Amino acid sequence: MQDRIALFPLHTLLFPHTDLGLHVFEHRYQSLVGDCLDGGHGFGVVLIRKGREVAGPAEPHLTGTMAQIGGYARLPDGRYLLEVEGVRRFRINSMNGSSTYPKADVTWLPEPIGDFGRARTSGDLAEDLLLAHRKRCGDGEIELQLPADPVARSYMVATMLPVDPPEKQSLLDTESADVRLAREVAILRREMALLDHLSSGRG
């Protein structure tokens, strides 16, 4: 099924089952938010592949996440402070530039778990590695409360990974939760090995 949605290109990602705070100060995106609030619908968040967030066109990655507005405040000068929740992924089929702000025709993507046993094993290991990494980085005694659902867990881990947006985008592009979680385990092992290398170098 194809739908037309408003797009908000950013230099950060929103994953399904996760939250994001936004400060909306550019006029075209203030219009976007106003239209979404009036119509009771959300907008698509997409990572910018090329271009800028402000005062210019931006070429987005093709996979994005639909954002539902959970709370907002409108400031006297027209700016918005938003809290949004990622709802589901989409794939851009074509862009539509006839509006004040970007729109696109999109197809909604399924969220298969894949191999459930593999997803559960990778999910538990990813949680342990993520906790160990955060402690190594000096975040102290942090308790992680990741969801049991493999799809939601895979996205929560992706949000907290200490990697650049393009690598996180590749996780958003990944088709199934079991593959995504396995890739996250590999990333965390890589980052732990890097910490070990840096620590031994200081010694």
N, C-alpha and C. Protein backbone atom coordinates (compact mmCIF):
# COMPACT_ATOMS: atom_id res chain seq x y z
N MET A 1 0.85 -1.20 0.00
CA MET A 1 0.00 0.00 0.00
C MET A 1 0.88 1.25 0.00
N GLN A 2 0.52 2.24 -0.80
CA GLN A 2 1.30 3.48 -0.91
C GLN A 2 0.50 4.64 -0.36
N ASP A 3 1.18 5.49 0.41
CA ASP A 3 0.56 6.70 0.97
C ASP A 3 1.49 7.88 0.74
N ARG A 4 0.92 9.07 0.76
CA ARG A 4 1.72 10.29 0.68
C ARG A 4 1.82 10.89 2.08
N ILE A 5 3.04 11.17 2.51
CA ILE A 5 3.26 11.70 3.85
C ILE A 5 4.19 12.90 3.79
N ALA A 6 4.12 13.74 4.81
CA ALA A 6 5.08 14.83 4.98
C ALA A 6 6.40 14.27 5.48
N LEU A 7 7.50 14.90 5.04
CA LEU A 7 8.84 14.45 5.44
C LEU A 7 9.57 15.53 6.22
N PHE A 8 10.29 15.10 7.23
CA PHE A 8 11.15 15.99 8.02
C PHE A 8 12.57 15.41 7.95
N PRO A 9 13.41 15.90 7.02
CA PRO A 9 14.79 15.41 6.92
C PRO A 9 15.65 15.96 8.06
N LEU A 10 16.43 15.09 8.68
CA LEU A 10 17.28 15.46 9.80
C LEU A 10 18.66 14.84 9.66
N HIS A 11 19.59 15.30 10.48
CA HIS A 11 20.90 14.67 10.55
C HIS A 11 20.96 13.66 11.68
N THR A 12 19.81 13.20 12.13
CA THR A 12 19.72 12.13 13.12
C THR A 12 18.61 11.19 12.71
N LEU A 13 18.54 10.03 13.36
CA LEU A 13 17.54 9.03 13.01
C LEU A 13 16.49 8.89 14.09
N LEU A 14 15.33 8.44 13.67
CA LEU A 14 14.29 7.98 14.56
C LEU A 14 14.01 6.53 14.19
N PHE A 15 14.03 5.64 15.19
CA PHE A 15 13.70 4.24 14.97
C PHE A 15 12.29 3.96 15.51
N PRO A 16 11.60 2.98 14.94
CA PRO A 16 10.34 2.56 15.54
C PRO A 16 10.54 2.15 17.01
N HIS A 17 9.52 2.36 17.82
CA HIS A 17 9.52 1.99 19.24
C HIS A 17 10.46 2.85 20.07
N THR A 18 10.94 3.97 19.53
CA THR A 18 11.81 4.87 20.29
C THR A 18 11.28 6.29 20.21
N ASP A 19 11.79 7.15 21.10
CA ASP A 19 11.34 8.54 21.20
C ASP A 19 12.44 9.50 20.75
N LEU A 20 12.01 10.68 20.36
CA LEU A 20 12.95 11.72 19.92
C LEU A 20 12.37 13.08 20.24
N GLY A 21 13.21 13.96 20.77
CA GLY A 21 12.80 15.34 20.98
C GLY A 21 13.26 16.21 19.83
N LEU A 22 12.40 17.11 19.37
CA LEU A 22 12.71 17.97 18.23
C LEU A 22 12.44 19.43 18.57
N HIS A 23 13.32 20.29 18.08
CA HIS A 23 13.15 21.74 18.17
C HIS A 23 12.92 22.23 16.74
N VAL A 24 11.72 22.66 16.43
CA VAL A 24 11.35 23.02 15.07
C VAL A 24 11.34 24.54 14.95
N PHE A 25 12.33 25.08 14.21
CA PHE A 25 12.45 26.53 14.14
C PHE A 25 12.37 27.06 12.72
N GLU A 26 12.53 26.22 11.71
CA GLU A 26 12.43 26.71 10.34
C GLU A 26 10.96 26.82 9.93
N HIS A 27 10.62 27.87 9.20
CA HIS A 27 9.21 28.18 8.91
C HIS A 27 8.50 27.05 8.17
N ARG A 28 9.17 26.42 7.19
CA ARG A 28 8.48 25.38 6.43
C ARG A 28 8.14 24.18 7.30
N TYR A 29 8.99 23.89 8.27
CA TYR A 29 8.70 22.75 9.13
C TYR A 29 7.75 23.13 10.27
N GLN A 30 7.69 24.43 10.60
CA GLN A 30 6.61 24.87 11.48
C GLN A 30 5.26 24.66 10.79
N SER A 31 5.21 24.93 9.48
CA SER A 31 3.98 24.68 8.72
C SER A 31 3.65 23.19 8.71
N LEU A 32 4.68 22.36 8.54
CA LEU A 32 4.47 20.91 8.56
C LEU A 32 3.84 20.48 9.89
N VAL A 33 4.43 20.93 10.99
CA VAL A 33 3.92 20.53 12.30
C VAL A 33 2.49 21.04 12.50
N GLY A 34 2.24 22.29 12.10
CA GLY A 34 0.89 22.82 12.23
C GLY A 34 -0.13 22.01 11.45
N ASP A 35 0.22 21.62 10.22
CA ASP A 35 -0.69 20.81 9.41
C ASP A 35 -0.92 19.44 10.04
N CYS A 36 0.14 18.85 10.58
CA CYS A 36 0.00 17.54 11.21
C CYS A 36 -0.87 17.61 12.46
N LEU A 37 -0.70 18.66 13.25
CA LEU A 37 -1.53 18.81 14.45
C LEU A 37 -2.99 19.05 14.07
N ASP A 38 -3.21 19.88 13.05
CA ASP A 38 -4.59 20.15 12.61
C ASP A 38 -5.25 18.89 12.05
N GLY A 39 -4.47 18.08 11.33
CA GLY A 39 -5.03 16.89 10.70
C GLY A 39 -4.98 15.65 11.55
N GLY A 40 -4.31 15.72 12.70
CA GLY A 40 -4.23 14.56 13.58
C GLY A 40 -3.39 13.42 13.03
N HIS A 41 -2.36 13.75 12.26
CA HIS A 41 -1.51 12.70 11.70
C HIS A 41 -0.04 13.03 11.95
N GLY A 42 0.82 12.08 11.66
CA GLY A 42 2.25 12.25 11.90
C GLY A 42 3.00 12.65 10.65
N PHE A 43 4.32 12.50 10.72
CA PHE A 43 5.19 12.84 9.59
C PHE A 43 6.36 11.87 9.58
N GLY A 44 7.02 11.79 8.43
CA GLY A 44 8.15 10.89 8.30
C GLY A 44 9.46 11.55 8.65
N VAL A 45 10.28 10.88 9.44
CA VAL A 45 11.62 11.35 9.76
C VAL A 45 12.61 10.55 8.91
N VAL A 46 13.45 11.24 8.18
CA VAL A 46 14.43 10.59 7.31
C VAL A 46 15.81 11.21 7.55
N LEU A 47 16.83 10.38 7.52
CA LEU A 47 18.20 10.85 7.66
C LEU A 47 18.65 11.49 6.36
N ILE A 48 19.28 12.64 6.47
CA ILE A 48 19.78 13.35 5.29
C ILE A 48 21.03 12.64 4.76
N ARG A 49 20.98 12.28 3.49
CA ARG A 49 22.14 11.69 2.83
C ARG A 49 23.08 12.78 2.32
N LYS A 50 22.48 13.85 1.79
CA LYS A 50 23.24 14.94 1.21
C LYS A 50 22.43 16.22 1.36
N GLY A 51 23.08 17.30 1.81
CA GLY A 51 22.38 18.56 1.97
C GLY A 51 22.31 18.99 3.43
N ARG A 52 21.47 19.99 3.70
CA ARG A 52 21.40 20.58 5.02
C ARG A 52 19.99 20.51 5.57
N GLU A 53 19.89 20.61 6.90
CA GLU A 53 18.58 20.63 7.54
C GLU A 53 17.88 21.96 7.31
N VAL A 54 18.65 23.05 7.25
CA VAL A 54 18.08 24.39 7.27
C VAL A 54 18.39 25.11 5.96
N ALA A 55 17.39 25.81 5.44
CA ALA A 55 17.57 26.76 4.33
C ALA A 55 18.15 26.12 3.08
N GLY A 56 17.61 25.00 2.71
CA GLY A 56 18.07 24.39 1.47
C GLY A 56 17.48 23.01 1.28
N PRO A 57 17.59 22.48 0.06
CA PRO A 57 17.09 21.13 -0.20
C PRO A 57 17.99 20.09 0.44
N ALA A 58 17.40 18.95 0.77
CA ALA A 58 18.14 17.85 1.37
C ALA A 58 17.74 16.56 0.69
N GLU A 59 18.74 15.76 0.33
CA GLU A 59 18.47 14.45 -0.27
C GLU A 59 18.45 13.42 0.85
N PRO A 60 17.32 12.75 1.07
CA PRO A 60 17.23 11.83 2.20
C PRO A 60 17.59 10.39 1.79
N HIS A 61 17.93 9.60 2.79
CA HIS A 61 17.95 8.16 2.60
C HIS A 61 16.53 7.68 2.33
N LEU A 62 16.40 6.53 1.72
CA LEU A 62 15.09 6.08 1.26
C LEU A 62 14.26 5.41 2.35
N THR A 63 14.91 4.88 3.38
CA THR A 63 14.17 4.26 4.48
C THR A 63 14.06 5.22 5.64
N GLY A 64 12.85 5.44 6.12
CA GLY A 64 12.62 6.35 7.23
C GLY A 64 11.61 5.78 8.20
N THR A 65 11.25 6.57 9.19
CA THR A 65 10.32 6.13 10.24
C THR A 65 9.21 7.15 10.42
N MET A 66 8.00 6.66 10.46
CA MET A 66 6.85 7.53 10.71
C MET A 66 6.85 7.96 12.17
N ALA A 67 6.71 9.26 12.40
CA ALA A 67 6.72 9.83 13.75
C ALA A 67 5.32 10.24 14.15
N GLN A 68 4.93 9.83 15.34
CA GLN A 68 3.66 10.25 15.93
C GLN A 68 3.94 11.29 17.01
N ILE A 69 3.26 12.41 16.97
CA ILE A 69 3.49 13.49 17.94
C ILE A 69 2.85 13.10 19.27
N GLY A 70 3.70 12.98 20.30
CA GLY A 70 3.20 12.62 21.61
C GLY A 70 2.92 13.83 22.49
N GLY A 71 3.66 14.88 22.29
CA GLY A 71 3.47 16.10 23.07
C GLY A 71 4.17 17.25 22.38
N TYR A 72 3.68 18.47 22.63
CA TYR A 72 4.30 19.62 21.97
C TYR A 72 4.04 20.89 22.77
N ALA A 73 4.88 21.87 22.50
CA ALA A 73 4.67 23.22 23.02
C ALA A 73 4.99 24.18 21.89
N ARG A 74 4.12 25.17 21.68
CA ARG A 74 4.40 26.19 20.68
C ARG A 74 4.85 27.45 21.38
N LEU A 75 6.01 27.94 21.00
CA LEU A 75 6.59 29.12 21.62
C LEU A 75 6.02 30.39 20.97
N PRO A 76 6.13 31.53 21.66
CA PRO A 76 5.54 32.78 21.13
C PRO A 76 6.03 33.17 19.74
N ASP A 77 7.26 32.79 19.38
CA ASP A 77 7.79 33.17 18.07
C ASP A 77 7.46 32.15 16.98
N GLY A 78 6.63 31.16 17.30
CA GLY A 78 6.21 30.19 16.31
C GLY A 78 6.96 28.89 16.32
N ARG A 79 8.07 28.81 17.05
CA ARG A 79 8.82 27.56 17.12
C ARG A 79 8.03 26.50 17.89
N TYR A 80 8.34 25.24 17.59
CA TYR A 80 7.72 24.12 18.30
C TYR A 80 8.78 23.31 19.02
N LEU A 81 8.43 22.84 20.20
CA LEU A 81 9.17 21.80 20.89
C LEU A 81 8.30 20.54 20.85
N LEU A 82 8.84 19.47 20.28
CA LEU A 82 8.06 18.26 20.06
C LEU A 82 8.68 17.07 20.78
N GLU A 83 7.82 16.17 21.20
CA GLU A 83 8.22 14.82 21.59
C GLU A 83 7.50 13.88 20.64
N VAL A 84 8.26 13.08 19.90
CA VAL A 84 7.64 12.18 18.93
C VAL A 84 8.07 10.75 19.21
N GLU A 85 7.25 9.82 18.75
CA GLU A 85 7.52 8.39 18.89
C GLU A 85 7.56 7.75 17.52
N GLY A 86 8.57 6.92 17.29
CA GLY A 86 8.65 6.20 16.03
C GLY A 86 7.61 5.10 15.97
N VAL A 87 6.85 5.06 14.88
CA VAL A 87 5.74 4.12 14.77
C VAL A 87 6.07 2.96 13.86
N ARG A 88 6.43 3.25 12.60
CA ARG A 88 6.74 2.17 11.67
C ARG A 88 7.62 2.70 10.54
N ARG A 89 8.30 1.76 9.89
CA ARG A 89 9.22 2.12 8.82
C ARG A 89 8.49 2.28 7.49
N PHE A 90 9.10 3.07 6.63
CA PHE A 90 8.59 3.21 5.27
C PHE A 90 9.75 3.29 4.30
N ARG A 91 9.43 3.11 3.04
CA ARG A 91 10.40 3.24 1.95
C ARG A 91 9.88 4.29 0.99
N ILE A 92 10.71 5.28 0.67
CA ILE A 92 10.31 6.33 -0.26
C ILE A 92 10.31 5.78 -1.68
N ASN A 93 9.17 5.95 -2.36
CA ASN A 93 9.08 5.59 -3.76
C ASN A 93 9.36 6.77 -4.67
N SER A 94 8.85 7.94 -4.29
CA SER A 94 9.08 9.15 -5.08
C SER A 94 8.85 10.37 -4.20
N MET A 95 9.57 11.44 -4.50
CA MET A 95 9.43 12.69 -3.76
C MET A 95 8.39 13.56 -4.45
N ASN A 96 7.74 14.42 -3.64
CA ASN A 96 6.76 15.36 -4.16
C ASN A 96 7.13 16.74 -3.66
N GLY A 97 7.52 17.62 -4.56
CA GLY A 97 8.01 18.93 -4.17
C GLY A 97 7.03 20.06 -4.37
N SER A 98 5.74 19.75 -4.46
CA SER A 98 4.76 20.78 -4.76
C SER A 98 4.26 21.51 -3.53
N SER A 99 4.72 21.14 -2.35
CA SER A 99 4.24 21.73 -1.10
C SER A 99 5.30 22.65 -0.51
N THR A 100 4.91 23.37 0.53
CA THR A 100 5.85 24.22 1.26
C THR A 100 7.00 23.40 1.84
N TYR A 101 6.70 22.20 2.26
CA TYR A 101 7.69 21.30 2.86
C TYR A 101 7.70 20.00 2.07
N PRO A 102 8.73 19.17 2.22
CA PRO A 102 8.83 17.95 1.41
C PRO A 102 7.72 16.95 1.73
N LYS A 103 7.28 16.27 0.70
CA LYS A 103 6.37 15.14 0.84
C LYS A 103 6.89 14.00 -0.03
N ALA A 104 6.43 12.80 0.27
CA ALA A 104 6.87 11.65 -0.51
C ALA A 104 5.75 10.61 -0.56
N ASP A 105 5.73 9.87 -1.65
CA ASP A 105 4.88 8.68 -1.74
C ASP A 105 5.70 7.52 -1.21
N VAL A 106 5.15 6.81 -0.22
CA VAL A 106 5.92 5.78 0.48
C VAL A 106 5.16 4.47 0.53
N THR A 107 5.92 3.41 0.71
CA THR A 107 5.37 2.09 0.98
C THR A 107 5.77 1.69 2.40
N TRP A 108 4.83 1.16 3.15
CA TRP A 108 5.10 0.74 4.53
C TRP A 108 5.81 -0.60 4.52
N LEU A 109 6.83 -0.73 5.37
CA LEU A 109 7.66 -1.93 5.41
C LEU A 109 7.21 -2.87 6.52
N PRO A 110 7.25 -4.17 6.27
CA PRO A 110 6.92 -5.14 7.32
C PRO A 110 8.03 -5.20 8.36
N GLU A 111 7.75 -5.84 9.49
CA GLU A 111 8.72 -5.97 10.57
C GLU A 111 8.86 -7.44 10.96
N PRO A 112 9.44 -8.27 10.09
CA PRO A 112 9.60 -9.68 10.45
C PRO A 112 10.63 -9.88 11.54
N ILE A 113 10.39 -10.85 12.40
CA ILE A 113 11.38 -11.22 13.42
C ILE A 113 12.50 -12.02 12.80
N GLY A 114 12.18 -12.86 11.81
CA GLY A 114 13.16 -13.79 11.26
C GLY A 114 13.21 -15.04 12.12
N ASP A 115 14.39 -15.56 12.35
CA ASP A 115 14.56 -16.73 13.20
C ASP A 115 14.43 -16.31 14.66
N PHE A 116 13.36 -16.77 15.33
CA PHE A 116 13.07 -16.28 16.68
C PHE A 116 14.17 -16.67 17.66
N GLY A 117 14.67 -17.91 17.58
CA GLY A 117 15.73 -18.34 18.50
C GLY A 117 16.98 -17.52 18.33
N ARG A 118 17.36 -17.25 17.09
CA ARG A 118 18.54 -16.42 16.84
C ARG A 118 18.33 -15.01 17.35
N ALA A 119 17.12 -14.47 17.14
CA ALA A 119 16.83 -13.12 17.60
C ALA A 119 16.90 -13.02 19.12
N ARG A 120 16.38 -14.03 19.82
CA ARG A 120 16.40 -14.00 21.27
C ARG A 120 17.82 -14.09 21.80
N THR A 121 18.63 -15.01 21.22
CA THR A 121 20.01 -15.16 21.68
C THR A 121 20.82 -13.89 21.41
N SER A 122 20.70 -13.34 20.21
CA SER A 122 21.44 -12.12 19.86
C SER A 122 20.96 -10.95 20.70
N GLY A 123 19.65 -10.89 20.96
CA GLY A 123 19.12 -9.79 21.76
C GLY A 123 19.66 -9.79 23.17
N ASP A 124 19.74 -10.97 23.80
CA ASP A 124 20.29 -11.07 25.16
C ASP A 124 21.77 -10.68 25.17
N LEU A 125 22.52 -11.15 24.15
CA LEU A 125 23.94 -10.83 24.09
C LEU A 125 24.15 -9.34 23.83
N ALA A 126 23.34 -8.75 22.94
CA ALA A 126 23.45 -7.32 22.67
C ALA A 126 23.20 -6.50 23.92
N GLU A 127 22.23 -6.91 24.72
CA GLU A 127 21.94 -6.18 25.95
C GLU A 127 23.13 -6.25 26.91
N ASP A 128 23.72 -7.44 27.06
CA ASP A 128 24.88 -7.59 27.95
C ASP A 128 26.06 -6.76 27.46
N LEU A 129 26.32 -6.80 26.15
CA LEU A 129 27.46 -6.05 25.60
C LEU A 129 27.24 -4.55 25.70
N LEU A 130 26.00 -4.11 25.47
CA LEU A 130 25.72 -2.68 25.56
C LEU A 130 25.91 -2.18 26.98
N LEU A 131 25.46 -2.95 27.95
CA LEU A 131 25.65 -2.56 29.35
C LEU A 131 27.13 -2.52 29.70
N ALA A 132 27.88 -3.52 29.24
CA ALA A 132 29.32 -3.55 29.52
C ALA A 132 30.03 -2.36 28.87
N HIS A 133 29.64 -2.03 27.65
CA HIS A 133 30.26 -0.90 26.95
C HIS A 133 29.99 0.41 27.68
N ARG A 134 28.77 0.60 28.12
CA ARG A 134 28.43 1.86 28.79
C ARG A 134 29.16 1.99 30.13
N LYS A 135 29.34 0.88 30.80
CA LYS A 135 30.10 0.92 32.05
C LYS A 135 31.57 1.24 31.78
N ARG A 136 32.12 0.65 30.72
CA ARG A 136 33.51 0.92 30.35
C ARG A 136 33.71 2.39 29.99
N CYS A 137 32.69 3.00 29.47
CA CYS A 137 32.78 4.41 29.07
C CYS A 137 32.51 5.37 30.22
N GLY A 138 32.30 4.81 31.42
CA GLY A 138 32.14 5.66 32.60
C GLY A 138 30.73 6.09 32.88
N ASP A 139 29.75 5.36 32.32
CA ASP A 139 28.35 5.71 32.59
C ASP A 139 27.84 5.15 33.90
N GLY A 140 28.67 4.43 34.63
CA GLY A 140 28.30 3.97 35.95
C GLY A 140 27.36 2.78 35.93
N GLU A 141 26.66 2.60 37.04
CA GLU A 141 25.75 1.46 37.18
C GLU A 141 24.44 1.80 36.48
N ILE A 142 24.37 1.41 35.24
CA ILE A 142 23.19 1.72 34.43
C ILE A 142 22.36 0.45 34.26
N GLU A 143 21.10 0.52 34.57
CA GLU A 143 20.22 -0.61 34.36
C GLU A 143 19.50 -0.41 33.02
N LEU A 144 19.64 -1.39 32.17
CA LEU A 144 18.94 -1.35 30.89
C LEU A 144 17.65 -2.14 31.00
N GLN A 145 16.58 -1.55 30.57
CA GLN A 145 15.30 -2.24 30.54
C GLN A 145 14.82 -2.28 29.10
N LEU A 146 15.37 -3.24 28.37
CA LEU A 146 15.03 -3.37 26.96
C LEU A 146 13.79 -4.24 26.81
N PRO A 147 12.96 -3.94 25.84
CA PRO A 147 11.74 -4.73 25.64
C PRO A 147 12.05 -6.16 25.26
N ALA A 148 11.15 -7.07 25.60
CA ALA A 148 11.33 -8.48 25.27
C ALA A 148 11.08 -8.75 23.80
N ASP A 149 10.18 -7.98 23.19
CA ASP A 149 9.88 -8.18 21.77
C ASP A 149 11.13 -7.96 20.94
N PRO A 150 11.52 -8.94 20.10
CA PRO A 150 12.79 -8.81 19.36
C PRO A 150 12.85 -7.60 18.43
N VAL A 151 11.74 -7.24 17.80
CA VAL A 151 11.75 -6.10 16.90
C VAL A 151 11.99 -4.82 17.68
N ALA A 152 11.21 -4.61 18.76
CA ALA A 152 11.39 -3.41 19.57
C ALA A 152 12.78 -3.37 20.20
N ARG A 153 13.26 -4.53 20.64
CA ARG A 153 14.59 -4.58 21.25
C ARG A 153 15.67 -4.20 20.25
N SER A 154 15.54 -4.68 19.02
CA SER A 154 16.56 -4.38 18.01
C SER A 154 16.65 -2.89 17.75
N TYR A 155 15.51 -2.20 17.78
CA TYR A 155 15.52 -0.76 17.53
C TYR A 155 16.02 0.01 18.74
N MET A 156 15.70 -0.47 19.95
CA MET A 156 16.20 0.21 21.14
C MET A 156 17.72 0.12 21.22
N VAL A 157 18.27 -1.05 20.92
CA VAL A 157 19.72 -1.20 20.90
C VAL A 157 20.33 -0.28 19.85
N ALA A 158 19.71 -0.24 18.67
CA ALA A 158 20.24 0.60 17.59
C ALA A 158 20.33 2.06 18.02
N THR A 159 19.34 2.54 18.74
CA THR A 159 19.34 3.92 19.21
C THR A 159 20.53 4.21 20.12
N MET A 160 20.90 3.23 20.94
CA MET A 160 21.93 3.47 21.95
C MET A 160 23.34 3.11 21.49
N LEU A 161 23.48 2.60 20.28
CA LEU A 161 24.81 2.23 19.81
C LEU A 161 25.71 3.47 19.64
N PRO A 162 26.99 3.36 20.01
CA PRO A 162 27.91 4.49 19.89
C PRO A 162 28.54 4.56 18.50
N VAL A 163 27.70 4.70 17.47
CA VAL A 163 28.19 4.74 16.09
C VAL A 163 27.56 5.92 15.37
N ASP A 164 28.11 6.24 14.20
CA ASP A 164 27.64 7.39 13.43
C ASP A 164 26.29 7.10 12.76
N PRO A 165 25.55 8.17 12.41
CA PRO A 165 24.24 7.99 11.77
C PRO A 165 24.23 7.09 10.54
N PRO A 166 25.21 7.17 9.62
CA PRO A 166 25.14 6.27 8.45
C PRO A 166 25.13 4.79 8.82
N GLU A 167 25.86 4.42 9.86
CA GLU A 167 25.85 3.01 10.28
C GLU A 167 24.52 2.66 10.94
N LYS A 168 23.95 3.60 11.67
CA LYS A 168 22.61 3.36 12.22
C LYS A 168 21.57 3.25 11.11
N GLN A 169 21.76 4.04 10.05
CA GLN A 169 20.84 3.95 8.91
C GLN A 169 20.86 2.55 8.32
N SER A 170 22.02 1.94 8.24
CA SER A 170 22.10 0.59 7.69
C SER A 170 21.32 -0.40 8.54
N LEU A 171 21.21 -0.14 9.85
CA LEU A 171 20.40 -0.99 10.72
C LEU A 171 18.91 -0.75 10.47
N LEU A 172 18.53 0.50 10.24
CA LEU A 172 17.14 0.79 9.90
C LEU A 172 16.76 0.12 8.58
N ASP A 173 17.72 0.04 7.66
CA ASP A 173 17.48 -0.61 6.37
C ASP A 173 17.34 -2.12 6.48
N THR A 174 17.87 -2.71 7.55
CA THR A 174 17.90 -4.16 7.69
C THR A 174 16.49 -4.73 7.78
N GLU A 175 16.27 -5.82 7.07
CA GLU A 175 14.91 -6.32 6.88
C GLU A 175 14.31 -6.96 8.11
N SER A 176 15.07 -7.75 8.86
CA SER A 176 14.47 -8.53 9.96
C SER A 176 15.21 -8.28 11.27
N ALA A 177 14.49 -8.55 12.37
CA ALA A 177 15.04 -8.28 13.70
C ALA A 177 16.22 -9.19 14.02
N ASP A 178 16.17 -10.46 13.60
CA ASP A 178 17.26 -11.37 13.94
C ASP A 178 18.57 -10.93 13.29
N VAL A 179 18.51 -10.50 12.03
CA VAL A 179 19.72 -10.02 11.35
C VAL A 179 20.19 -8.71 11.97
N ARG A 180 19.25 -7.83 12.29
CA ARG A 180 19.62 -6.53 12.89
C ARG A 180 20.32 -6.74 14.24
N LEU A 181 19.78 -7.61 15.07
CA LEU A 181 20.39 -7.87 16.38
C LEU A 181 21.76 -8.52 16.24
N ALA A 182 21.91 -9.42 15.29
CA ALA A 182 23.22 -10.05 15.07
C ALA A 182 24.24 -9.00 14.62
N ARG A 183 23.83 -8.07 13.78
CA ARG A 183 24.73 -7.01 13.35
C ARG A 183 25.09 -6.10 14.51
N GLU A 184 24.13 -5.86 15.40
CA GLU A 184 24.40 -5.01 16.56
C GLU A 184 25.39 -5.68 17.51
N VAL A 185 25.30 -6.99 17.67
CA VAL A 185 26.28 -7.72 18.47
C VAL A 185 27.68 -7.54 17.88
N ALA A 186 27.79 -7.67 16.56
CA ALA A 186 29.09 -7.50 15.90
C ALA A 186 29.62 -6.08 16.09
N ILE A 187 28.76 -5.07 16.00
CA ILE A 187 29.18 -3.69 16.21
C ILE A 187 29.68 -3.48 17.64
N LEU A 188 28.95 -4.01 18.61
CA LEU A 188 29.34 -3.83 20.01
C LEU A 188 30.64 -4.56 20.32
N ARG A 189 30.84 -5.72 19.74
CA ARG A 189 32.11 -6.41 19.92
C ARG A 189 33.26 -5.60 19.31
N ARG A 190 33.01 -5.01 18.18
CA ARG A 190 34.02 -4.15 17.56
C ARG A 190 34.36 -2.97 18.45
N GLU A 191 33.33 -2.33 19.00
CA GLU A 191 33.56 -1.15 19.85
C GLU A 191 34.26 -1.54 21.15
N MET A 192 33.93 -2.71 21.70
CA MET A 192 34.62 -3.17 22.91
C MET A 192 36.09 -3.45 22.60
N ALA A 193 36.36 -4.06 21.44
CA ALA A 193 37.75 -4.33 21.06
C ALA A 193 38.52 -3.02 20.89
N LEU A 194 37.86 -2.00 20.36
CA LEU A 194 38.51 -0.69 20.21
C LEU A 194 38.85 -0.10 21.57
N LEU A 195 37.93 -0.22 22.51
CA LEU A 195 38.22 0.27 23.87
C LEU A 195 39.39 -0.48 24.49
N ASP A 196 39.43 -1.79 24.28
CA ASP A 196 40.55 -2.58 24.80
C ASP A 196 41.87 -2.12 24.18
N HIS A 197 41.85 -1.86 22.88
CA HIS A 197 43.05 -1.40 22.19
C HIS A 197 43.51 -0.04 22.72
N LEU A 198 42.57 0.87 22.90
CA LEU A 198 42.93 2.19 23.41
C LEU A 198 43.44 2.10 24.84
N SER A 199 42.84 1.21 25.62
CA SER A 199 43.27 1.05 27.01
C SER A 199 44.67 0.48 27.09
N SER A 200 44.96 -0.51 26.25
CA SER A 200 46.31 -1.11 26.25
C SER A 200 47.34 -0.12 25.74
N GLY A 201 46.94 0.75 24.82
CA GLY A 201 47.85 1.76 24.30
C GLY A 201 48.25 2.76 25.35
N ARG A 202 47.31 3.09 26.23
CA ARG A 202 47.63 4.03 27.31
C ARG A 202 48.56 3.42 28.34
N GLY A 203 48.49 2.06 28.39
CA GLY A 203 49.32 1.40 29.39
C GLY A 203 50.76 1.33 28.96
